[in-house]
Amino acid sequence: NKALTREQLLAALWGIEFEGETRTVDAHVGRIRKKLGFQD
Protein backbone atom coordinates (compact mmCIF):
# COMPACT_ATOMS: atom_id res chain seq x y z
CA ASN A 1 0.00 0.00 0.00
CA LYS A 2 3.00 2.32 -0.41
CA ALA A 3 4.22 3.73 -3.71
CA LEU A 4 7.74 2.63 -4.65
CA THR A 5 9.64 4.54 -7.29
CA ARG A 6 11.53 2.74 -10.02
CA GLU A 7 14.73 4.29 -8.66
CA GLN A 8 14.05 2.86 -5.19
CA LEU A 9 13.52 -0.60 -6.65
CA LEU A 10 16.67 -0.38 -8.76
CA ALA A 11 18.79 0.74 -5.82
CA ALA A 12 17.43 -1.92 -3.45
CA LEU A 13 17.47 -4.87 -5.85
CA TRP A 14 20.47 -4.18 -8.06
CA GLY A 15 22.46 -2.19 -5.54
CA ILE A 16 23.44 0.57 -7.97
CA GLU A 17 21.79 3.30 -9.99
CA PHE A 18 20.97 2.32 -13.57
CA GLU A 19 20.45 5.66 -15.28
CA GLY A 20 17.99 5.35 -18.09
CA GLU A 21 17.30 1.70 -17.30
CA THR A 22 13.96 1.94 -15.49
CA ARG A 23 12.62 -0.41 -18.15
CA THR A 24 14.44 -3.15 -16.22
CA VAL A 25 11.98 -2.65 -13.36
CA ASP A 26 9.01 -2.45 -15.74
CA ALA A 27 9.97 -5.78 -17.31
CA HIS A 28 10.25 -7.54 -13.94
CA VAL A 29 6.97 -6.09 -12.69
CA GLY A 30 5.26 -7.16 -15.90
CA ARG A 31 6.40 -10.76 -15.46
CA ILE A 32 5.38 -10.81 -11.79
CA ARG A 33 1.91 -9.49 -12.66
CA LYS A 34 1.45 -12.15 -15.32
CA LYS A 35 2.70 -15.08 -13.23
CA LEU A 36 0.71 -14.16 -10.11
CA GLY A 37 -2.34 -12.67 -11.79
CA PHE A 38 -1.60 -9.38 -10.04
CA GLN A 39 -2.56 -7.04 -12.90
CA ASP A 40 -5.02 -5.25 -10.60
PDB file of all heavy atoms in Angstrom:
ATOM      1  N   ASN A   1       0.806  -1.230   0.000  1.00  0.00           N
ATOM      2  CA  ASN A   1       0.000   0.000   0.000  1.00  0.00           C
ATOM      3  C   ASN A   1       0.836   1.276   0.000  1.00  0.00           C
ATOM      4  O   ASN A   1       0.312   2.356   0.278  1.00  0.00           O
ATOM      5  CB  ASN A   1      -0.985   0.013   1.181  1.00  0.00           C
ATOM      6  CG  ASN A   1      -1.974  -1.139   1.117  1.00  0.00           C
ATOM      7  OD1 ASN A   1      -2.567  -1.394   0.080  1.00  0.00           O
ATOM      8  ND2 ASN A   1      -2.132  -1.842   2.222  1.00  0.00           N
ATOM      9  N   LYS A   2       2.128   1.153  -0.301  1.00  0.00           N
ATOM     10  CA  LYS A   2       3.000   2.322  -0.413  1.00  0.00           C
ATOM     11  C   LYS A   2       3.586   2.382  -1.826  1.00  0.00           C
ATOM     12  O   LYS A   2       3.965   1.360  -2.382  1.00  0.00           O
ATOM     13  CB  LYS A   2       4.139   2.259   0.606  1.00  0.00           C
ATOM     14  CG  LYS A   2       3.684   2.302   2.052  1.00  0.00           C
ATOM     15  CD  LYS A   2       4.873   2.245   2.991  1.00  0.00           C
ATOM     16  CE  LYS A   2       4.430   2.255   4.451  1.00  0.00           C
ATOM     17  NZ  LYS A   2       5.593   2.153   5.376  1.00  0.00           N
ATOM     18  N   ALA A   3       3.654   3.571  -2.378  1.00  0.00           N
ATOM     19  CA  ALA A   3       4.221   3.735  -3.708  1.00  0.00           C
ATOM     20  C   ALA A   3       5.737   3.600  -3.642  1.00  0.00           C
ATOM     21  O   ALA A   3       6.391   4.211  -2.790  1.00  0.00           O
ATOM     22  CB  ALA A   3       3.845   5.096  -4.289  1.00  0.00           C
ATOM     23  N   LEU A   4       6.293   2.793  -4.528  1.00  0.00           N
ATOM     24  CA  LEU A   4       7.740   2.633  -4.650  1.00  0.00           C
ATOM     25  C   LEU A   4       8.165   3.160  -6.015  1.00  0.00           C
ATOM     26  O   LEU A   4       7.580   2.798  -7.037  1.00  0.00           O
ATOM     27  CB  LEU A   4       8.145   1.160  -4.523  1.00  0.00           C
ATOM     28  CG  LEU A   4       7.896   0.497  -3.169  1.00  0.00           C
ATOM     29  CD1 LEU A   4       8.243  -0.982  -3.234  1.00  0.00           C
ATOM     30  CD2 LEU A   4       8.697   1.178  -2.077  1.00  0.00           C
ATOM     31  N   THR A   5       9.161   4.018  -6.022  1.00  0.00           N
ATOM     32  CA  THR A   5       9.645   4.541  -7.293  1.00  0.00           C
ATOM     33  C   THR A   5      10.507   3.495  -7.988  1.00  0.00           C
ATOM     34  O   THR A   5      11.057   2.587  -7.347  1.00  0.00           O
ATOM     35  CB  THR A   5      10.469   5.821  -7.096  1.00  0.00           C
ATOM     36  OG1 THR A   5      11.699   5.493  -6.422  1.00  0.00           O
ATOM     37  CG2 THR A   5       9.697   6.851  -6.281  1.00  0.00           C
ATOM     38  N   ARG A   6      10.649   3.643  -9.276  1.00  0.00           N
ATOM     39  CA  ARG A   6      11.531   2.739 -10.017  1.00  0.00           C
ATOM     40  C   ARG A   6      12.967   2.853  -9.512  1.00  0.00           C
ATOM     41  O   ARG A   6      13.693   1.871  -9.448  1.00  0.00           O
ATOM     42  CB  ARG A   6      11.455   3.059 -11.506  1.00  0.00           C
ATOM     43  CG  ARG A   6      10.108   2.713 -12.142  1.00  0.00           C
ATOM     44  CD  ARG A   6      10.046   3.168 -13.589  1.00  0.00           C
ATOM     45  NE  ARG A   6       8.817   2.734 -14.247  1.00  0.00           N
ATOM     46  CZ  ARG A   6       7.668   3.395 -14.184  1.00  0.00           C
ATOM     47  NH1 ARG A   6       7.592   4.524 -13.459  1.00  0.00           N
ATOM     48  NH2 ARG A   6       6.600   2.952 -14.816  1.00  0.00           N
ATOM     49  N   GLU A   7      13.363   4.075  -9.152  1.00  0.00           N
ATOM     50  CA  GLU A   7      14.728   4.287  -8.660  1.00  0.00           C
ATOM     51  C   GLU A   7      14.945   3.575  -7.328  1.00  0.00           C
ATOM     52  O   GLU A   7      16.025   3.005  -7.087  1.00  0.00           O
ATOM     53  CB  GLU A   7      14.998   5.791  -8.508  1.00  0.00           C
ATOM     54  CG  GLU A   7      15.125   6.544  -9.823  1.00  0.00           C
ATOM     55  CD  GLU A   7      13.771   6.748 -10.526  1.00  0.00           C
ATOM     56  OE1 GLU A   7      12.719   6.644  -9.841  1.00  0.00           O
ATOM     57  OE2 GLU A   7      13.770   7.003 -11.737  1.00  0.00           O
ATOM     58  N   GLN A   8      13.938   3.574  -6.464  1.00  0.00           N
ATOM     59  CA  GLN A   8      14.054   2.859  -5.187  1.00  0.00           C
ATOM     60  C   GLN A   8      14.213   1.357  -5.426  1.00  0.00           C
ATOM     61  O   GLN A   8      15.019   0.699  -4.767  1.00  0.00           O
ATOM     62  CB  GLN A   8      12.813   3.103  -4.329  1.00  0.00           C
ATOM     63  CG  GLN A   8      12.758   4.462  -3.669  1.00  0.00           C
ATOM     64  CD  GLN A   8      11.470   4.665  -2.900  1.00  0.00           C
ATOM     65  OE1 GLN A   8      10.379   4.370  -3.395  1.00  0.00           O
ATOM     66  NE2 GLN A   8      11.568   5.170  -1.681  1.00  0.00           N
ATOM     67  N   LEU A   9      13.437   0.831  -6.348  1.00  0.00           N
ATOM     68  CA  LEU A   9      13.522  -0.596  -6.646  1.00  0.00           C
ATOM     69  C   LEU A   9      14.863  -0.963  -7.252  1.00  0.00           C
ATOM     70  O   LEU A   9      15.473  -1.976  -6.890  1.00  0.00           O
ATOM     71  CB  LEU A   9      12.378  -0.997  -7.587  1.00  0.00           C
ATOM     72  CG  LEU A   9      10.979  -0.954  -6.972  1.00  0.00           C
ATOM     73  CD1 LEU A   9       9.914  -1.006  -8.046  1.00  0.00           C
ATOM     74  CD2 LEU A   9      10.791  -2.105  -5.984  1.00  0.00           C
ATOM     75  N   LEU A  10      15.357  -0.127  -8.150  1.00  0.00           N
ATOM     76  CA  LEU A  10      16.671  -0.383  -8.756  1.00  0.00           C
ATOM     77  C   LEU A  10      17.765  -0.386  -7.697  1.00  0.00           C
ATOM     78  O   LEU A  10      18.610  -1.284  -7.662  1.00  0.00           O
ATOM     79  CB  LEU A  10      16.978   0.670  -9.819  1.00  0.00           C
ATOM     80  CG  LEU A  10      16.298   0.518 -11.178  1.00  0.00           C
ATOM     81  CD1 LEU A  10      16.517   1.754 -12.020  1.00  0.00           C
ATOM     82  CD2 LEU A  10      16.813  -0.720 -11.905  1.00  0.00           C
ATOM     83  N   ALA A  11      17.745   0.615  -6.832  1.00  0.00           N
ATOM     84  CA  ALA A  11      18.792   0.737  -5.815  1.00  0.00           C
ATOM     85  C   ALA A  11      18.751  -0.432  -4.839  1.00  0.00           C
ATOM     86  O   ALA A  11      19.797  -0.951  -4.436  1.00  0.00           O
ATOM     87  CB  ALA A  11      18.651   2.059  -5.074  1.00  0.00           C
ATOM     88  N   ALA A  12      17.557  -0.856  -4.439  1.00  0.00           N
ATOM     89  CA  ALA A  12      17.426  -1.925  -3.452  1.00  0.00           C
ATOM     90  C   ALA A  12      17.747  -3.300  -4.032  1.00  0.00           C
ATOM     91  O   ALA A  12      18.370  -4.129  -3.377  1.00  0.00           O
ATOM     92  CB  ALA A  12      16.014  -1.923  -2.873  1.00  0.00           C
ATOM     93  N   LEU A  13      17.337  -3.535  -5.276  1.00  0.00           N
ATOM     94  CA  LEU A  13      17.466  -4.872  -5.848  1.00  0.00           C
ATOM     95  C   LEU A  13      18.772  -5.085  -6.605  1.00  0.00           C
ATOM     96  O   LEU A  13      19.343  -6.171  -6.568  1.00  0.00           O
ATOM     97  CB  LEU A  13      16.283  -5.156  -6.786  1.00  0.00           C
ATOM     98  CG  LEU A  13      14.907  -5.138  -6.118  1.00  0.00           C
ATOM     99  CD1 LEU A  13      13.806  -5.260  -7.160  1.00  0.00           C
ATOM    100  CD2 LEU A  13      14.795  -6.267  -5.102  1.00  0.00           C
ATOM    101  N   TRP A  14      19.231  -4.041  -7.283  1.00  0.00           N
ATOM    102  CA  TRP A  14      20.467  -4.177  -8.061  1.00  0.00           C
ATOM    103  C   TRP A  14      21.666  -3.548  -7.350  1.00  0.00           C
ATOM    104  O   TRP A  14      22.801  -3.779  -7.729  1.00  0.00           O
ATOM    105  CB  TRP A  14      20.301  -3.576  -9.454  1.00  0.00           C
ATOM    106  CG  TRP A  14      19.564  -4.469 -10.395  1.00  0.00           C
ATOM    107  CD1 TRP A  14      20.095  -5.361 -11.280  1.00  0.00           C
ATOM    108  CD2 TRP A  14      18.134  -4.587 -10.551  1.00  0.00           C
ATOM    109  NE1 TRP A  14      19.091  -6.017 -11.959  1.00  0.00           N
ATOM    110  CE2 TRP A  14      17.882  -5.559 -11.536  1.00  0.00           C
ATOM    111  CE3 TRP A  14      17.049  -3.955  -9.938  1.00  0.00           C
ATOM    112  CZ2 TRP A  14      16.600  -5.913 -11.929  1.00  0.00           C
ATOM    113  CZ3 TRP A  14      15.771  -4.309 -10.324  1.00  0.00           C
ATOM    114  CH2 TRP A  14      15.544  -5.278 -11.315  1.00  0.00           C
ATOM    115  N   GLY A  15      21.398  -2.739  -6.347  1.00  0.00           N
ATOM    116  CA  GLY A  15      22.461  -2.188  -5.541  1.00  0.00           C
ATOM    117  C   GLY A  15      23.158  -0.975  -6.107  1.00  0.00           C
ATOM    118  O   GLY A  15      23.994  -0.372  -5.473  1.00  0.00           O
ATOM    119  N   ILE A  16      22.833  -0.597  -7.344  1.00  0.00           N
ATOM    120  CA  ILE A  16      23.437   0.573  -7.967  1.00  0.00           C
ATOM    121  C   ILE A  16      22.393   1.292  -8.794  1.00  0.00           C
ATOM    122  O   ILE A  16      21.333   0.750  -9.079  1.00  0.00           O
ATOM    123  CB  ILE A  16      24.639   0.199  -8.876  1.00  0.00           C
ATOM    124  CG1 ILE A  16      24.188  -0.789  -9.971  1.00  0.00           C
ATOM    125  CG2 ILE A  16      25.791  -0.370  -8.090  1.00  0.00           C
ATOM    126  CD1 ILE A  16      25.275  -1.122 -10.969  1.00  0.00           C
ATOM    127  N   GLU A  17      22.705   2.524  -9.163  1.00  0.00           N
ATOM    128  CA  GLU A  17      21.794   3.304  -9.993  1.00  0.00           C
ATOM    129  C   GLU A  17      21.994   2.940 -11.467  1.00  0.00           C
ATOM    130  O   GLU A  17      23.104   2.960 -11.977  1.00  0.00           O
ATOM    131  CB  GLU A  17      22.074   4.803  -9.816  1.00  0.00           C
ATOM    132  CG  GLU A  17      21.900   5.296  -8.389  1.00  0.00           C
ATOM    133  CD  GLU A  17      20.431   5.423  -7.998  1.00  0.00           C
ATOM    134  OE1 GLU A  17      19.588   5.380  -8.904  1.00  0.00           O
ATOM    135  OE2 GLU A  17      20.166   5.549  -6.799  1.00  0.00           O
ATOM    136  N   PHE A  18      20.915   2.580 -12.141  1.00  0.00           N
ATOM    137  CA  PHE A  18      20.965   2.317 -13.573  1.00  0.00           C
ATOM    138  C   PHE A  18      20.294   3.478 -14.293  1.00  0.00           C
ATOM    139  O   PHE A  18      19.090   3.497 -14.511  1.00  0.00           O
ATOM    140  CB  PHE A  18      20.215   1.015 -13.918  1.00  0.00           C
ATOM    141  CG  PHE A  18      20.930  -0.233 -13.509  1.00  0.00           C
ATOM    142  CD1 PHE A  18      20.228  -1.412 -13.311  1.00  0.00           C
ATOM    143  CD2 PHE A  18      22.305  -0.241 -13.336  1.00  0.00           C
ATOM    144  CE1 PHE A  18      20.867  -2.571 -12.937  1.00  0.00           C
ATOM    145  CE2 PHE A  18      22.961  -1.405 -12.968  1.00  0.00           C
ATOM    146  CZ  PHE A  18      22.234  -2.564 -12.770  1.00  0.00           C
ATOM    147  N   GLU A  19      21.050   4.496 -14.630  1.00  0.00           N
ATOM    148  CA  GLU A  19      20.453   5.665 -15.282  1.00  0.00           C
ATOM    149  C   GLU A  19      19.869   5.270 -16.633  1.00  0.00           C
ATOM    150  O   GLU A  19      20.525   4.655 -17.454  1.00  0.00           O
ATOM    151  CB  GLU A  19      21.510   6.757 -15.456  1.00  0.00           C
ATOM    152  CG  GLU A  19      21.972   7.361 -14.138  1.00  0.00           C
ATOM    153  CD  GLU A  19      22.883   8.542 -14.338  1.00  0.00           C
ATOM    154  OE1 GLU A  19      23.018   8.972 -15.501  1.00  0.00           O
ATOM    155  OE2 GLU A  19      23.453   9.015 -13.348  1.00  0.00           O
ATOM    156  N   GLY A  20      18.624   5.636 -16.816  1.00  0.00           N
ATOM    157  CA  GLY A  20      17.989   5.349 -18.094  1.00  0.00           C
ATOM    158  C   GLY A  20      17.547   3.914 -18.259  1.00  0.00           C
ATOM    159  O   GLY A  20      17.110   3.518 -19.329  1.00  0.00           O
ATOM    160  N   GLU A  21      17.639   3.105 -17.185  1.00  0.00           N
ATOM    161  CA  GLU A  21      17.295   1.701 -17.299  1.00  0.00           C
ATOM    162  C   GLU A  21      16.093   1.330 -16.436  1.00  0.00           C
ATOM    163  O   GLU A  21      16.028   0.232 -15.898  1.00  0.00           O
ATOM    164  CB  GLU A  21      18.505   0.830 -16.909  1.00  0.00           C
ATOM    165  CG  GLU A  21      19.641   0.861 -17.913  1.00  0.00           C
ATOM    166  CD  GLU A  21      19.240   0.247 -19.251  1.00  0.00           C
ATOM    167  OE1 GLU A  21      18.353  -0.630 -19.262  1.00  0.00           O
ATOM    168  OE2 GLU A  21      19.809   0.659 -20.278  1.00  0.00           O
ATOM    169  N   THR A  22      15.159   2.261 -16.265  1.00  0.00           N
ATOM    170  CA  THR A  22      13.965   1.938 -15.485  1.00  0.00           C
ATOM    171  C   THR A  22      13.111   0.887 -16.171  1.00  0.00           C
ATOM    172  O   THR A  22      12.258   0.274 -15.532  1.00  0.00           O
ATOM    173  CB  THR A  22      13.122   3.204 -15.236  1.00  0.00           C
ATOM    174  OG1 THR A  22      12.807   3.815 -16.490  1.00  0.00           O
ATOM    175  CG2 THR A  22      13.874   4.188 -14.352  1.00  0.00           C
ATOM    176  N   ARG A  23      13.348   0.661 -17.453  1.00  0.00           N
ATOM    177  CA  ARG A  23      12.623  -0.410 -18.147  1.00  0.00           C
ATOM    178  C   ARG A  23      12.936  -1.773 -17.552  1.00  0.00           C
ATOM    179  O   ARG A  23      12.152  -2.718 -17.692  1.00  0.00           O
ATOM    180  CB  ARG A  23      12.966  -0.393 -19.635  1.00  0.00           C
ATOM    181  CG  ARG A  23      12.367   0.792 -20.399  1.00  0.00           C
ATOM    182  CD  ARG A  23      12.829   0.823 -21.825  1.00  0.00           C
ATOM    183  NE  ARG A  23      14.279   1.012 -21.915  1.00  0.00           N
ATOM    184  CZ  ARG A  23      14.970   1.017 -23.046  1.00  0.00           C
ATOM    185  NH1 ARG A  23      14.344   0.845 -24.196  1.00  0.00           N
ATOM    186  NH2 ARG A  23      16.267   1.199 -23.036  1.00  0.00           N
ATOM    187  N   THR A  24      14.100  -1.903 -16.902  1.00  0.00           N
ATOM    188  CA  THR A  24      14.443  -3.150 -16.221  1.00  0.00           C
ATOM    189  C   THR A  24      13.401  -3.471 -15.164  1.00  0.00           C
ATOM    190  O   THR A  24      12.945  -4.614 -15.046  1.00  0.00           O
ATOM    191  CB  THR A  24      15.833  -3.034 -15.561  1.00  0.00           C
ATOM    192  OG1 THR A  24      16.802  -2.720 -16.554  1.00  0.00           O
ATOM    193  CG2 THR A  24      16.216  -4.323 -14.859  1.00  0.00           C
ATOM    194  N   VAL A  25      13.013  -2.467 -14.381  1.00  0.00           N
ATOM    195  CA  VAL A  25      11.976  -2.650 -13.362  1.00  0.00           C
ATOM    196  C   VAL A  25      10.647  -2.979 -14.020  1.00  0.00           C
ATOM    197  O   VAL A  25       9.934  -3.890 -13.600  1.00  0.00           O
ATOM    198  CB  VAL A  25      11.845  -1.391 -12.484  1.00  0.00           C
ATOM    199  CG1 VAL A  25      10.635  -1.493 -11.569  1.00  0.00           C
ATOM    200  CG2 VAL A  25      13.109  -1.174 -11.669  1.00  0.00           C
ATOM    201  N   ASP A  26      10.287  -2.228 -15.057  1.00  0.00           N
ATOM    202  CA  ASP A  26       9.008  -2.453 -15.737  1.00  0.00           C
ATOM    203  C   ASP A  26       8.891  -3.892 -16.243  1.00  0.00           C
ATOM    204  O   ASP A  26       7.827  -4.517 -16.135  1.00  0.00           O
ATOM    205  CB  ASP A  26       8.855  -1.483 -16.908  1.00  0.00           C
ATOM    206  CG  ASP A  26       8.811  -0.031 -16.445  1.00  0.00           C
ATOM    207  OD1 ASP A  26       8.432   0.206 -15.287  1.00  0.00           O
ATOM    208  OD2 ASP A  26       9.150   0.851 -17.259  1.00  0.00           O
ATOM    209  N   ALA A  27       9.988  -4.414 -16.776  1.00  0.00           N
ATOM    210  CA  ALA A  27       9.971  -5.779 -17.309  1.00  0.00           C
ATOM    211  C   ALA A  27       9.746  -6.796 -16.194  1.00  0.00           C
ATOM    212  O   ALA A  27       8.960  -7.744 -16.345  1.00  0.00           O
ATOM    213  CB  ALA A  27      11.276  -6.069 -18.041  1.00  0.00           C
ATOM    214  N   HIS A  28      10.421  -6.613 -15.065  1.00  0.00           N
ATOM    215  CA  HIS A  28      10.250  -7.542 -13.945  1.00  0.00           C
ATOM    216  C   HIS A  28       8.838  -7.460 -13.372  1.00  0.00           C
ATOM    217  O   HIS A  28       8.223  -8.497 -13.075  1.00  0.00           O
ATOM    218  CB  HIS A  28      11.286  -7.251 -12.855  1.00  0.00           C
ATOM    219  CG  HIS A  28      12.635  -7.837 -13.133  1.00  0.00           C
ATOM    220  ND1 HIS A  28      13.512  -7.294 -14.041  1.00  0.00           N
ATOM    221  CD2 HIS A  28      13.252  -8.947 -12.623  1.00  0.00           C
ATOM    222  CE1 HIS A  28      14.616  -8.024 -14.076  1.00  0.00           C
ATOM    223  NE2 HIS A  28      14.489  -9.027 -13.232  1.00  0.00           N
ATOM    224  N   VAL A  29       8.319  -6.254 -13.217  1.00  0.00           N
ATOM    225  CA  VAL A  29       6.967  -6.093 -12.694  1.00  0.00           C
ATOM    226  C   VAL A  29       5.956  -6.730 -13.643  1.00  0.00           C
ATOM    227  O   VAL A  29       5.003  -7.392 -13.198  1.00  0.00           O
ATOM    228  CB  VAL A  29       6.637  -4.608 -12.465  1.00  0.00           C
ATOM    229  CG1 VAL A  29       5.160  -4.428 -12.114  1.00  0.00           C
ATOM    230  CG2 VAL A  29       7.515  -4.034 -11.350  1.00  0.00           C
ATOM    231  N   GLY A  30       6.168  -6.559 -14.924  1.00  0.00           N
ATOM    232  CA  GLY A  30       5.262  -7.156 -15.901  1.00  0.00           C
ATOM    233  C   GLY A  30       5.204  -8.670 -15.786  1.00  0.00           C
ATOM    234  O   GLY A  30       4.128  -9.280 -15.847  1.00  0.00           O
ATOM    235  N   ARG A  31       6.372  -9.298 -15.587  1.00  0.00           N
ATOM    236  CA  ARG A  31       6.404 -10.758 -15.455  1.00  0.00           C
ATOM    237  C   ARG A  31       5.762 -11.211 -14.148  1.00  0.00           C
ATOM    238  O   ARG A  31       5.064 -12.242 -14.116  1.00  0.00           O
ATOM    239  CB  ARG A  31       7.846 -11.259 -15.570  1.00  0.00           C
ATOM    240  CG  ARG A  31       8.429 -11.145 -16.980  1.00  0.00           C
ATOM    241  CD  ARG A  31       9.702 -11.940 -17.129  1.00  0.00           C
ATOM    242  NE  ARG A  31      10.802 -11.390 -16.355  1.00  0.00           N
ATOM    243  CZ  ARG A  31      11.656 -10.488 -16.811  1.00  0.00           C
ATOM    244  NH1 ARG A  31      11.515 -10.017 -18.051  1.00  0.00           N
ATOM    245  NH2 ARG A  31      12.654 -10.045 -16.071  1.00  0.00           N
ATOM    246  N   ILE A  32       5.995 -10.454 -13.080  1.00  0.00           N
ATOM    247  CA  ILE A  32       5.377 -10.805 -11.787  1.00  0.00           C
ATOM    248  C   ILE A  32       3.858 -10.716 -11.879  1.00  0.00           C
ATOM    249  O   ILE A  32       3.131 -11.594 -11.418  1.00  0.00           O
ATOM    250  CB  ILE A  32       5.904  -9.877 -10.682  1.00  0.00           C
ATOM    251  CG1 ILE A  32       7.392 -10.140 -10.427  1.00  0.00           C
ATOM    252  CG2 ILE A  32       5.114 -10.062  -9.384  1.00  0.00           C
ATOM    253  CD1 ILE A  32       8.053  -9.092  -9.552  1.00  0.00           C
ATOM    254  N   ARG A  33       3.359  -9.653 -12.496  1.00  0.00           N
ATOM    255  CA  ARG A  33       1.906  -9.492 -12.656  1.00  0.00           C
ATOM    256  C   ARG A  33       1.314 -10.680 -13.413  1.00  0.00           C
ATOM    257  O   ARG A  33       0.270 -11.234 -13.021  1.00  0.00           O
ATOM    258  CB  ARG A  33       1.617  -8.213 -13.430  1.00  0.00           C
ATOM    259  CG  ARG A  33       1.695  -6.925 -12.616  1.00  0.00           C
ATOM    260  CD  ARG A  33       1.612  -5.738 -13.543  1.00  0.00           C
ATOM    261  NE  ARG A  33       1.269  -4.497 -12.854  1.00  0.00           N
ATOM    262  CZ  ARG A  33       1.362  -3.308 -13.407  1.00  0.00           C
ATOM    263  NH1 ARG A  33       1.816  -3.179 -14.658  1.00  0.00           N
ATOM    264  NH2 ARG A  33       1.031  -2.223 -12.719  1.00  0.00           N
ATOM    265  N   LYS A  34       1.978 -11.066 -14.479  1.00  0.00           N
ATOM    266  CA  LYS A  34       1.453 -12.149 -15.318  1.00  0.00           C
ATOM    267  C   LYS A  34       1.470 -13.480 -14.581  1.00  0.00           C
ATOM    268  O   LYS A  34       0.478 -14.226 -14.597  1.00  0.00           O
ATOM    269  CB  LYS A  34       2.275 -12.249 -16.606  1.00  0.00           C
ATOM    270  CG  LYS A  34       1.766 -13.295 -17.584  1.00  0.00           C
ATOM    271  CD  LYS A  34       2.562 -13.268 -18.876  1.00  0.00           C
ATOM    272  CE  LYS A  34       2.029 -14.306 -19.866  1.00  0.00           C
ATOM    273  NZ  LYS A  34       2.810 -14.291 -21.148  1.00  0.00           N
ATOM    274  N   LYS A  35       2.572 -13.789 -13.902  1.00  0.00           N
ATOM    275  CA  LYS A  35       2.699 -15.083 -13.233  1.00  0.00           C
ATOM    276  C   LYS A  35       1.745 -15.209 -12.049  1.00  0.00           C
ATOM    277  O   LYS A  35       1.199 -16.286 -11.797  1.00  0.00           O
ATOM    278  CB  LYS A  35       4.144 -15.290 -12.757  1.00  0.00           C
ATOM    279  CG  LYS A  35       5.142 -15.508 -13.888  1.00  0.00           C
ATOM    280  CD  LYS A  35       6.565 -15.708 -13.357  1.00  0.00           C
ATOM    281  CE  LYS A  35       7.548 -15.947 -14.492  1.00  0.00           C
ATOM    282  NZ  LYS A  35       8.945 -16.182 -14.010  1.00  0.00           N
ATOM    283  N   LEU A  36       1.539 -14.113 -11.309  1.00  0.00           N
ATOM    284  CA  LEU A  36       0.715 -14.161 -10.106  1.00  0.00           C
ATOM    285  C   LEU A  36      -0.730 -13.724 -10.353  1.00  0.00           C
ATOM    286  O   LEU A  36      -1.574 -13.847  -9.467  1.00  0.00           O
ATOM    287  CB  LEU A  36       1.313 -13.279  -9.001  1.00  0.00           C
ATOM    288  CG  LEU A  36       2.411 -13.898  -8.143  1.00  0.00           C
ATOM    289  CD1 LEU A  36       3.672 -14.185  -8.958  1.00  0.00           C
ATOM    290  CD2 LEU A  36       2.757 -12.996  -6.967  1.00  0.00           C
ATOM    291  N   GLY A  37      -1.009 -13.213 -11.546  1.00  0.00           N
ATOM    292  CA  GLY A  37      -2.341 -12.674 -11.794  1.00  0.00           C
ATOM    293  C   GLY A  37      -2.588 -11.401 -11.014  1.00  0.00           C
ATOM    294  O   GLY A  37      -3.708 -11.143 -10.560  1.00  0.00           O
ATOM    295  N   PHE A  38      -1.536 -10.597 -10.861  1.00  0.00           N
ATOM    296  CA  PHE A  38      -1.603  -9.385 -10.044  1.00  0.00           C
ATOM    297  C   PHE A  38      -1.769  -8.114 -10.883  1.00  0.00           C
ATOM    298  O   PHE A  38      -1.352  -7.033 -10.469  1.00  0.00           O
ATOM    299  CB  PHE A  38      -0.335  -9.259  -9.190  1.00  0.00           C
ATOM    300  CG  PHE A  38      -0.388 -10.019  -7.887  1.00  0.00           C
ATOM    301  CD1 PHE A  38      -1.433 -10.891  -7.602  1.00  0.00           C
ATOM    302  CD2 PHE A  38       0.601  -9.856  -6.932  1.00  0.00           C
ATOM    303  CE1 PHE A  38      -1.473 -11.588  -6.407  1.00  0.00           C
ATOM    304  CE2 PHE A  38       0.568 -10.542  -5.726  1.00  0.00           C
ATOM    305  CZ  PHE A  38      -0.476 -11.414  -5.460  1.00  0.00           C
ATOM    306  N   GLN A  39      -2.400  -8.216 -12.049  1.00  0.00           N
ATOM    307  CA  GLN A  39      -2.560  -7.037 -12.897  1.00  0.00           C
ATOM    308  C   GLN A  39      -3.288  -5.905 -12.176  1.00  0.00           C
ATOM    309  O   GLN A  39      -2.974  -4.723 -12.381  1.00  0.00           O
ATOM    310  CB  GLN A  39      -3.306  -7.415 -14.190  1.00  0.00           C
ATOM    311  CG  GLN A  39      -2.478  -8.219 -15.172  1.00  0.00           C
ATOM    312  CD  GLN A  39      -2.474  -9.710 -14.874  1.00  0.00           C
ATOM    313  OE1 GLN A  39      -3.024 -10.151 -13.865  1.00  0.00           O
ATOM    314  NE2 GLN A  39      -1.868 -10.506 -15.742  1.00  0.00           N
ATOM    315  N   ASP A  40      -4.265  -6.268 -11.322  1.00  0.00           N
ATOM    316  CA  ASP A  40      -5.022  -5.246 -10.595  1.00  0.00           C
ATOM    317  C   ASP A  40      -4.550  -5.091  -9.150  1.00  0.00           C
ATOM    318  O   ASP A  40      -5.145  -4.325  -8.393  1.00  0.00           O
ATOM    319  CB  ASP A  40      -6.519  -5.603 -10.606  1.00  0.00           C
ATOM    320  CG  ASP A  40      -7.103  -5.574 -12.002  1.00  0.00           C
ATOM    321  OD1 ASP A  40      -6.661  -4.732 -12.803  1.00  0.00           O
ATOM    322  OD2 ASP A  40      -7.999  -6.392 -12.284  1.00  0.00           O
TER     323      ASP A  40
END
